[in-house]
Amino acid sequence: MISFIRHYLLAVQYFTRIPITGKLAEWVGYSPKALQSSAAHFPGIGVLVGSFACLILYGTFQLLPSSPFTPLVCSFLSAFASILLTGAFHEDGLADSADGIGSSSERSRTLEIMKDSRIGTYGAVALILVLGSKISLVALLLSLNPLLALMTVLLGHTVSRWIPLLAMKLLPPIIENRDSKSKPLIEKITMYHVTIGTVWLLGLLLALNYYHPVQNWSLGLLLALMTGFIFTRTYFKRLGGYTGDCLGATQQLTEMSFYAGTLFFIGKTV
């Protein structure tokens, strides 16, 4: 249990802007093996980030005056808050992946473009479309069923951080800088890591089932898995493996797909 907490806090330190400093940082510690183990808690980070996004979504929905535009404003502020919490970690991966894969068909050139910190046309368009889609879909969910929208956002952040674990299990990592401190994080993970991540997801599903039947999210989960499979296959064909940017892009795209699938499923019944 102690190592479980330490690895989770290490994941918080790596995947969010929440400060882990002083005595707590000393207690958490760092080692290449611990950093690799922290990847198993990626869905647990989704629970944390999703909870914060839901808090902003609910708070603004209660505080702002009622208007047809209120759900859209609340959804935007919730997305903005989650980006602040993560430091646009995954959005950066989406933009870099879109620039690289969209700009070149040659593996070496694609990886070179993905490493470039400058954003190109494909990256900008991908960010606008994906962020715009997520905000719009959550706003529509909020206008239809506020409670279900909150639970869907929480689950969406978690599911979209579980699917990259599957990609990490299926694909070999591409590590160009062998001295990088983050290198252990994208080493080939084991079924143990996938199992821990799955426990996070199943635990959340079990908790949410108390308020809404799990089948409300079945189409969302299916669409997210399909999206993850398509892009995992793309990474394999184009790059021969995955990078950290690929994982960030997968998180963003599967989160969007999860919201869309959930909305399609409940749209006829709400």
Foldseek 3Di string as FASTA:
>chain_A
DLLVVLLCVVLLCVQWPPDQDDPRDVSSDDDLVSLQLSLLCLLVVLLVLLVQLLVQLVVQLVPPDDDLCSLLVSLVVSVVSSCNGRVCLLLLLQQLQQCLVVPDLAQVSSVVSSPDSDGDDRSVVRSCVLSVLSSVLLSVVCVVPVVVSSLLSSLLSNLLSLLLLVLLQVAAEDDPDPPDPSVSNSHRDDVVSSVSSVCSNVVSLVVCCVPPNSVLQVQLSVQLNVLSVVLSVVCCVRHVGDYSSSSSSSSSVSSSSSSVRSCVSCVVPD
